[in-house]
Structures are given as structure tokens and as C-alpha cells.
Amino acid sequence: ECTTAEEARQRIRLGLWLMIREGSAAQ
């Protein structure tokens, strides 16, 4: 559910796997 690079960075730093989503509605 990350939509910004900063959100992604927070999750990566905590060891969470970042799933980058590219759907039809949420890109």
C-alpha cells in the first residue's frame, strides 16, 4: 500500500518486503 518513496523507505528499513503495486486504479 505504499504510495510514496518515503513510505517505502520506512518499510524497507524495518525489514518489510516492499510490494510495488501497479493496478488499474492504484498505480
PDB file of all heavy atoms in Angstrom:
ATOM      1  N   GLU A   1       0.799  -1.226   0.000  1.00  0.00           N
ATOM      2  CA  GLU A   1       0.000   0.000   0.000  1.00  0.00           C
ATOM      3  C   GLU A   1       0.834   1.280   0.000  1.00  0.00           C
ATOM      4  O   GLU A   1       0.293   2.360   0.201  1.00  0.00           O
ATOM      5  CB  GLU A   1      -0.932  -0.001   1.217  1.00  0.00           C
ATOM      6  CG  GLU A   1      -2.087  -0.982   1.114  1.00  0.00           C
ATOM      7  CD  GLU A   1      -3.107  -0.606   0.043  1.00  0.00           C
ATOM      8  OE1 GLU A   1      -3.214   0.602  -0.267  1.00  0.00           O
ATOM      9  OE2 GLU A   1      -3.780  -1.487  -0.482  1.00  0.00           O
ATOM     10  N   CYS A   2       2.134   1.184  -0.237  1.00  0.00           N
ATOM     11  CA  CYS A   2       2.969   2.393  -0.269  1.00  0.00           C
ATOM     12  C   CYS A   2       2.661   3.212  -1.514  1.00  0.00           C
ATOM     13  O   CYS A   2       2.587   2.687  -2.622  1.00  0.00           O
ATOM     14  CB  CYS A   2       4.448   2.020  -0.271  1.00  0.00           C
ATOM     15  SG  CYS A   2       5.009   1.282   1.258  1.00  0.00           S
ATOM     16  N   THR A   3       2.546   4.516  -1.319  1.00  0.00           N
ATOM     17  CA  THR A   3       2.316   5.409  -2.453  1.00  0.00           C
ATOM     18  C   THR A   3       3.430   6.434  -2.622  1.00  0.00           C
ATOM     19  O   THR A   3       3.469   7.135  -3.632  1.00  0.00           O
ATOM     20  CB  THR A   3       0.976   6.162  -2.280  1.00  0.00           C
ATOM     21  OG1 THR A   3       1.012   6.922  -1.067  1.00  0.00           O
ATOM     22  CG2 THR A   3      -0.190   5.183  -2.244  1.00  0.00           C
ATOM     23  N   THR A   4       4.346   6.539  -1.634  1.00  0.00           N
ATOM     24  CA  THR A   4       5.462   7.485  -1.735  1.00  0.00           C
ATOM     25  C   THR A   4       6.778   6.776  -1.438  1.00  0.00           C
ATOM     26  O   THR A   4       6.806   5.752  -0.747  1.00  0.00           O
ATOM     27  CB  THR A   4       5.301   8.647  -0.731  1.00  0.00           C
ATOM     28  OG1 THR A   4       5.451   8.143   0.609  1.00  0.00           O
ATOM     29  CG2 THR A   4       3.945   9.316  -0.869  1.00  0.00           C
ATOM     30  N   ALA A   5       7.854   7.350  -1.941  1.00  0.00           N
ATOM     31  CA  ALA A   5       9.174   6.775  -1.712  1.00  0.00           C
ATOM     32  C   ALA A   5       9.523   6.776  -0.227  1.00  0.00           C
ATOM     33  O   ALA A   5      10.201   5.864   0.260  1.00  0.00           O
ATOM     34  CB  ALA A   5      10.222   7.546  -2.508  1.00  0.00           C
ATOM     35  N   GLU A   6       9.082   7.793   0.501  1.00  0.00           N
ATOM     36  CA  GLU A   6       9.389   7.857   1.926  1.00  0.00           C
ATOM     37  C   GLU A   6       8.695   6.736   2.693  1.00  0.00           C
ATOM     38  O   GLU A   6       9.287   6.126   3.592  1.00  0.00           O
ATOM     39  CB  GLU A   6       8.980   9.218   2.501  1.00  0.00           C
ATOM     40  CG  GLU A   6       9.462   9.461   3.924  1.00  0.00           C
ATOM     41  CD  GLU A   6      10.964   9.212   4.092  1.00  0.00           C
ATOM     42  OE1 GLU A   6      11.747   9.592   3.204  1.00  0.00           O
ATOM     43  OE2 GLU A   6      11.344   8.612   5.129  1.00  0.00           O
ATOM     44  N   GLU A   7       7.431   6.452   2.354  1.00  0.00           N
ATOM     45  CA  GLU A   7       6.756   5.307   2.972  1.00  0.00           C
ATOM     46  C   GLU A   7       7.510   4.019   2.673  1.00  0.00           C
ATOM     47  O   GLU A   7       7.684   3.162   3.544  1.00  0.00           O
ATOM     48  CB  GLU A   7       5.326   5.189   2.428  1.00  0.00           C
ATOM     49  CG  GLU A   7       4.320   6.127   3.046  1.00  0.00           C
ATOM     50  CD  GLU A   7       2.927   5.869   2.518  1.00  0.00           C
ATOM     51  OE1 GLU A   7       2.755   5.693   1.298  1.00  0.00           O
ATOM     52  OE2 GLU A   7       1.988   5.840   3.334  1.00  0.00           O
ATOM     53  N   ALA A   8       7.955   3.881   1.423  1.00  0.00           N
ATOM     54  CA  ALA A   8       8.689   2.677   1.033  1.00  0.00           C
ATOM     55  C   ALA A   8       9.987   2.551   1.818  1.00  0.00           C
ATOM     56  O   ALA A   8      10.360   1.463   2.276  1.00  0.00           O
ATOM     57  CB  ALA A   8       8.978   2.712  -0.466  1.00  0.00           C
ATOM     58  N   ARG A   9      10.680   3.655   2.002  1.00  0.00           N
ATOM     59  CA  ARG A   9      11.941   3.639   2.742  1.00  0.00           C
ATOM     60  C   ARG A   9      11.714   3.170   4.184  1.00  0.00           C
ATOM     61  O   ARG A   9      12.486   2.369   4.725  1.00  0.00           O
ATOM     62  CB  ARG A   9      12.571   5.039   2.748  1.00  0.00           C
ATOM     63  CG  ARG A   9      13.986   5.076   3.338  1.00  0.00           C
ATOM     64  CD  ARG A   9      14.461   6.509   3.505  1.00  0.00           C
ATOM     65  NE  ARG A   9      14.405   7.244   2.255  1.00  0.00           N
ATOM     66  CZ  ARG A   9      15.379   7.244   1.337  1.00  0.00           C
ATOM     67  NH1 ARG A   9      16.487   6.542   1.562  1.00  0.00           N
ATOM     68  NH2 ARG A   9      15.250   7.944   0.228  1.00  0.00           N
ATOM     69  N   GLN A  10      10.654   3.663   4.812  1.00  0.00           N
ATOM     70  CA  GLN A  10      10.355   3.255   6.191  1.00  0.00           C
ATOM     71  C   GLN A  10      10.172   1.748   6.294  1.00  0.00           C
ATOM     72  O   GLN A  10      10.668   1.112   7.222  1.00  0.00           O
ATOM     73  CB  GLN A  10       9.083   3.962   6.668  1.00  0.00           C
ATOM     74  CG  GLN A  10       9.223   5.464   6.839  1.00  0.00           C
ATOM     75  CD  GLN A  10       7.876   6.139   7.028  1.00  0.00           C
ATOM     76  OE1 GLN A  10       6.830   5.483   7.078  1.00  0.00           O
ATOM     77  NE2 GLN A  10       7.886   7.459   7.132  1.00  0.00           N
ATOM     78  N   ARG A  11       9.478   1.170   5.340  1.00  0.00           N
ATOM     79  CA  ARG A  11       9.207  -0.264   5.377  1.00  0.00           C
ATOM     80  C   ARG A  11      10.458  -1.079   5.074  1.00  0.00           C
ATOM     81  O   ARG A  11      10.719  -2.106   5.728  1.00  0.00           O
ATOM     82  CB  ARG A  11       8.063  -0.589   4.409  1.00  0.00           C
ATOM     83  CG  ARG A  11       6.710  -0.211   4.999  1.00  0.00           C
ATOM     84  CD  ARG A  11       5.731   0.344   3.986  1.00  0.00           C
ATOM     85  NE  ARG A  11       4.470   0.690   4.647  1.00  0.00           N
ATOM     86  CZ  ARG A  11       4.271   1.819   5.337  1.00  0.00           C
ATOM     87  NH1 ARG A  11       5.248   2.720   5.459  1.00  0.00           N
ATOM     88  NH2 ARG A  11       3.099   2.065   5.893  1.00  0.00           N
ATOM     89  N   ILE A  12      11.245  -0.633   4.126  1.00  0.00           N
ATOM     90  CA  ILE A  12      12.495  -1.324   3.791  1.00  0.00           C
ATOM     91  C   ILE A  12      13.435  -1.326   4.998  1.00  0.00           C
ATOM     92  O   ILE A  12      14.078  -2.336   5.313  1.00  0.00           O
ATOM     93  CB  ILE A  12      13.156  -0.661   2.568  1.00  0.00           C
ATOM     94  CG1 ILE A  12      12.310  -0.938   1.310  1.00  0.00           C
ATOM     95  CG2 ILE A  12      14.574  -1.179   2.368  1.00  0.00           C
ATOM     96  CD1 ILE A  12      12.713  -0.086   0.123  1.00  0.00           C
ATOM     97  N   ARG A  13      13.518  -0.197   5.687  1.00  0.00           N
ATOM     98  CA  ARG A  13      14.410  -0.095   6.842  1.00  0.00           C
ATOM     99  C   ARG A  13      14.001  -1.037   7.969  1.00  0.00           C
ATOM    100  O   ARG A  13      14.857  -1.458   8.763  1.00  0.00           O
ATOM    101  CB  ARG A  13      14.432   1.350   7.349  1.00  0.00           C
ATOM    102  CG  ARG A  13      15.258   2.290   6.472  1.00  0.00           C
ATOM    103  CD  ARG A  13      15.183   3.713   6.992  1.00  0.00           C
ATOM    104  NE  ARG A  13      16.143   4.577   6.298  1.00  0.00           N
ATOM    105  CZ  ARG A  13      16.245   5.881   6.497  1.00  0.00           C
ATOM    106  NH1 ARG A  13      15.424   6.483   7.355  1.00  0.00           N
ATOM    107  NH2 ARG A  13      17.141   6.594   5.832  1.00  0.00           N
ATOM    108  N   LEU A  14      12.728  -1.359   8.059  1.00  0.00           N
ATOM    109  CA  LEU A  14      12.246  -2.249   9.124  1.00  0.00           C
ATOM    110  C   LEU A  14      12.227  -3.710   8.691  1.00  0.00           C
ATOM    111  O   LEU A  14      11.743  -4.571   9.433  1.00  0.00           O
ATOM    112  CB  LEU A  14      10.851  -1.821   9.578  1.00  0.00           C
ATOM    113  CG  LEU A  14      10.759  -0.444  10.264  1.00  0.00           C
ATOM    114  CD1 LEU A  14       9.331  -0.159  10.691  1.00  0.00           C
ATOM    115  CD2 LEU A  14      11.705  -0.353  11.452  1.00  0.00           C
ATOM    116  N   GLY A  15      12.728  -3.983   7.490  1.00  0.00           N
ATOM    117  CA  GLY A  15      12.821  -5.362   7.035  1.00  0.00           C
ATOM    118  C   GLY A  15      11.572  -5.902   6.373  1.00  0.00           C
ATOM    119  O   GLY A  15      11.516  -7.087   6.018  1.00  0.00           O
ATOM    120  N   LEU A  16      10.554  -5.058   6.210  1.00  0.00           N
ATOM    121  CA  LEU A  16       9.361  -5.487   5.494  1.00  0.00           C
ATOM    122  C   LEU A  16       9.661  -5.580   4.001  1.00  0.00           C
ATOM    123  O   LEU A  16      10.433  -4.779   3.462  1.00  0.00           O
ATOM    124  CB  LEU A  16       8.210  -4.503   5.724  1.00  0.00           C
ATOM    125  CG  LEU A  16       7.587  -4.484   7.122  1.00  0.00           C
ATOM    126  CD1 LEU A  16       6.695  -3.261   7.280  1.00  0.00           C
ATOM    127  CD2 LEU A  16       6.788  -5.754   7.370  1.00  0.00           C
ATOM    128  N   TRP A  17       9.051  -6.544   3.342  1.00  0.00           N
ATOM    129  CA  TRP A  17       9.160  -6.635   1.884  1.00  0.00           C
ATOM    130  C   TRP A  17       8.247  -5.585   1.266  1.00  0.00           C
ATOM    131  O   TRP A  17       7.078  -5.457   1.648  1.00  0.00           O
ATOM    132  CB  TRP A  17       8.760  -8.023   1.396  1.00  0.00           C
ATOM    133  CG  TRP A  17       9.772  -9.089   1.691  1.00  0.00           C
ATOM    134  CD1 TRP A  17      10.057  -9.656   2.891  1.00  0.00           C
ATOM    135  CD2 TRP A  17      10.632  -9.727   0.741  1.00  0.00           C
ATOM    136  NE1 TRP A  17      11.036 -10.603   2.768  1.00  0.00           N
ATOM    137  CE2 TRP A  17      11.409 -10.675   1.454  1.00  0.00           C
ATOM    138  CE3 TRP A  17      10.820  -9.611  -0.641  1.00  0.00           C
ATOM    139  CZ2 TRP A  17      12.361 -11.485   0.833  1.00  0.00           C
ATOM    140  CZ3 TRP A  17      11.749 -10.422  -1.258  1.00  0.00           C
ATOM    141  CH2 TRP A  17      12.520 -11.339  -0.536  1.00  0.00           C
ATOM    142  N   LEU A  18       8.805  -4.838   0.326  1.00  0.00           N
ATOM    143  CA  LEU A  18       8.042  -3.815  -0.380  1.00  0.00           C
ATOM    144  C   LEU A  18       7.441  -4.427  -1.637  1.00  0.00           C
ATOM    145  O   LEU A  18       8.162  -4.842  -2.543  1.00  0.00           O
ATOM    146  CB  LEU A  18       8.938  -2.633  -0.749  1.00  0.00           C
ATOM    147  CG  LEU A  18       8.310  -1.555  -1.644  1.00  0.00           C
ATOM    148  CD1 LEU A  18       7.189  -0.843  -0.898  1.00  0.00           C
ATOM    149  CD2 LEU A  18       9.371  -0.566  -2.117  1.00  0.00           C
ATOM    150  N   MET A  19       6.113  -4.506  -1.674  1.00  0.00           N
ATOM    151  CA  MET A  19       5.410  -4.933  -2.882  1.00  0.00           C
ATOM    152  C   MET A  19       5.012  -3.683  -3.657  1.00  0.00           C
ATOM    153  O   MET A  19       4.166  -2.914  -3.202  1.00  0.00           O
ATOM    154  CB  MET A  19       4.166  -5.743  -2.528  1.00  0.00           C
ATOM    155  CG  MET A  19       4.449  -7.098  -1.900  1.00  0.00           C
ATOM    156  SD  MET A  19       2.885  -7.954  -1.527  1.00  0.00           S
ATOM    157  CE  MET A  19       3.494  -9.595  -1.118  1.00  0.00           C
ATOM    158  N   ILE A  20       5.644  -3.466  -4.806  1.00  0.00           N
ATOM    159  CA  ILE A  20       5.311  -2.311  -5.632  1.00  0.00           C
ATOM    160  C   ILE A  20       4.109  -2.664  -6.492  1.00  0.00           C
ATOM    161  O   ILE A  20       4.150  -3.592  -7.293  1.00  0.00           O
ATOM    162  CB  ILE A  20       6.497  -1.890  -6.506  1.00  0.00           C
ATOM    163  CG1 ILE A  20       7.679  -1.482  -5.621  1.00  0.00           C
ATOM    164  CG2 ILE A  20       6.099  -0.751  -7.435  1.00  0.00           C
ATOM    165  CD1 ILE A  20       8.905  -1.033  -6.397  1.00  0.00           C
ATOM    166  N   ARG A  21       3.045  -1.898  -6.311  1.00  0.00           N
ATOM    167  CA  ARG A  21       1.774  -2.197  -6.979  1.00  0.00           C
ATOM    168  C   ARG A  21       1.563  -1.310  -8.200  1.00  0.00           C
ATOM    169  O   ARG A  21       1.822  -0.107  -8.179  1.00  0.00           O
ATOM    170  CB  ARG A  21       0.614  -1.978  -5.992  1.00  0.00           C
ATOM    171  CG  ARG A  21      -0.758  -2.055  -6.629  1.00  0.00           C
ATOM    172  CD  ARG A  21      -1.849  -1.859  -5.606  1.00  0.00           C
ATOM    173  NE  ARG A  21      -1.716  -0.599  -4.884  1.00  0.00           N
ATOM    174  CZ  ARG A  21      -2.446  -0.280  -3.822  1.00  0.00           C
ATOM    175  NH1 ARG A  21      -3.339  -1.128  -3.353  1.00  0.00           N
ATOM    176  NH2 ARG A  21      -2.274   0.884  -3.230  1.00  0.00           N
ATOM    177  N   GLU A  22       1.064  -1.931  -9.242  1.00  0.00           N
ATOM    178  CA  GLU A  22       0.632  -1.195 -10.429  1.00  0.00           C
ATOM    179  C   GLU A  22      -0.639  -1.854 -10.938  1.00  0.00           C
ATOM    180  O   GLU A  22      -0.622  -2.781 -11.745  1.00  0.00           O
ATOM    181  CB  GLU A  22       1.722  -1.205 -11.507  1.00  0.00           C
ATOM    182  CG  GLU A  22       1.429  -0.343 -12.717  1.00  0.00           C
ATOM    183  CD  GLU A  22       1.608   1.154 -12.484  1.00  0.00           C
ATOM    184  OE1 GLU A  22       1.940   1.558 -11.352  1.00  0.00           O
ATOM    185  OE2 GLU A  22       1.416   1.932 -13.446  1.00  0.00           O
ATOM    186  N   GLY A  23      -1.772  -1.399 -10.389  1.00  0.00           N
ATOM    187  CA  GLY A  23      -3.059  -1.926 -10.801  1.00  0.00           C
ATOM    188  C   GLY A  23      -3.713  -1.034 -11.825  1.00  0.00           C
ATOM    189  O   GLY A  23      -3.075  -0.166 -12.424  1.00  0.00           O
ATOM    190  N   SER A  24      -5.006  -1.241 -12.026  1.00  0.00           N
ATOM    191  CA  SER A  24      -5.749  -0.374 -12.936  1.00  0.00           C
ATOM    192  C   SER A  24      -6.176   0.908 -12.248  1.00  0.00           C
ATOM    193  O   SER A  24      -6.187   1.974 -12.856  1.00  0.00           O
ATOM    194  CB  SER A  24      -6.978  -1.114 -13.475  1.00  0.00           C
ATOM    195  OG  SER A  24      -6.615  -2.210 -14.268  1.00  0.00           O
ATOM    196  N   ALA A  25      -6.533   0.825 -10.965  1.00  0.00           N
ATOM    197  CA  ALA A  25      -6.964   2.008 -10.225  1.00  0.00           C
ATOM    198  C   ALA A  25      -5.820   2.614  -9.419  1.00  0.00           C
ATOM    199  O   ALA A  25      -5.608   3.828  -9.434  1.00  0.00           O
ATOM    200  CB  ALA A  25      -8.124   1.656  -9.304  1.00  0.00           C
ATOM    201  N   ALA A  26      -5.066   1.796  -8.714  1.00  0.00           N
ATOM    202  CA  ALA A  26      -3.958   2.271  -7.875  1.00  0.00           C
ATOM    203  C   ALA A  26      -2.638   1.978  -8.586  1.00  0.00           C
ATOM    204  O   ALA A  26      -2.264   0.821  -8.753  1.00  0.00           O
ATOM    205  CB  ALA A  26      -3.997   1.591  -6.515  1.00  0.00           C
ATOM    206  N   GLN A  27      -1.955   3.027  -8.988  1.00  0.00           N
ATOM    207  CA  GLN A  27      -0.721   2.885  -9.769  1.00  0.00           C
ATOM    208  C   GLN A  27       0.416   3.587  -9.040  1.00  0.00           C
ATOM    209  O   GLN A  27       0.465   4.809  -8.973  1.00  0.00           O
ATOM    210  CB  GLN A  27      -0.926   3.464 -11.174  1.00  0.00           C
ATOM    211  CG  GLN A  27      -2.066   2.778 -11.925  1.00  0.00           C
ATOM    212  CD  GLN A  27      -2.294   3.339 -13.313  1.00  0.00           C
ATOM    213  OE1 GLN A  27      -1.533   4.171 -13.802  1.00  0.00           O
ATOM    214  NE2 GLN A  27      -3.361   2.900 -13.959  1.00  0.00           N
TER     215      GLN A  27
END
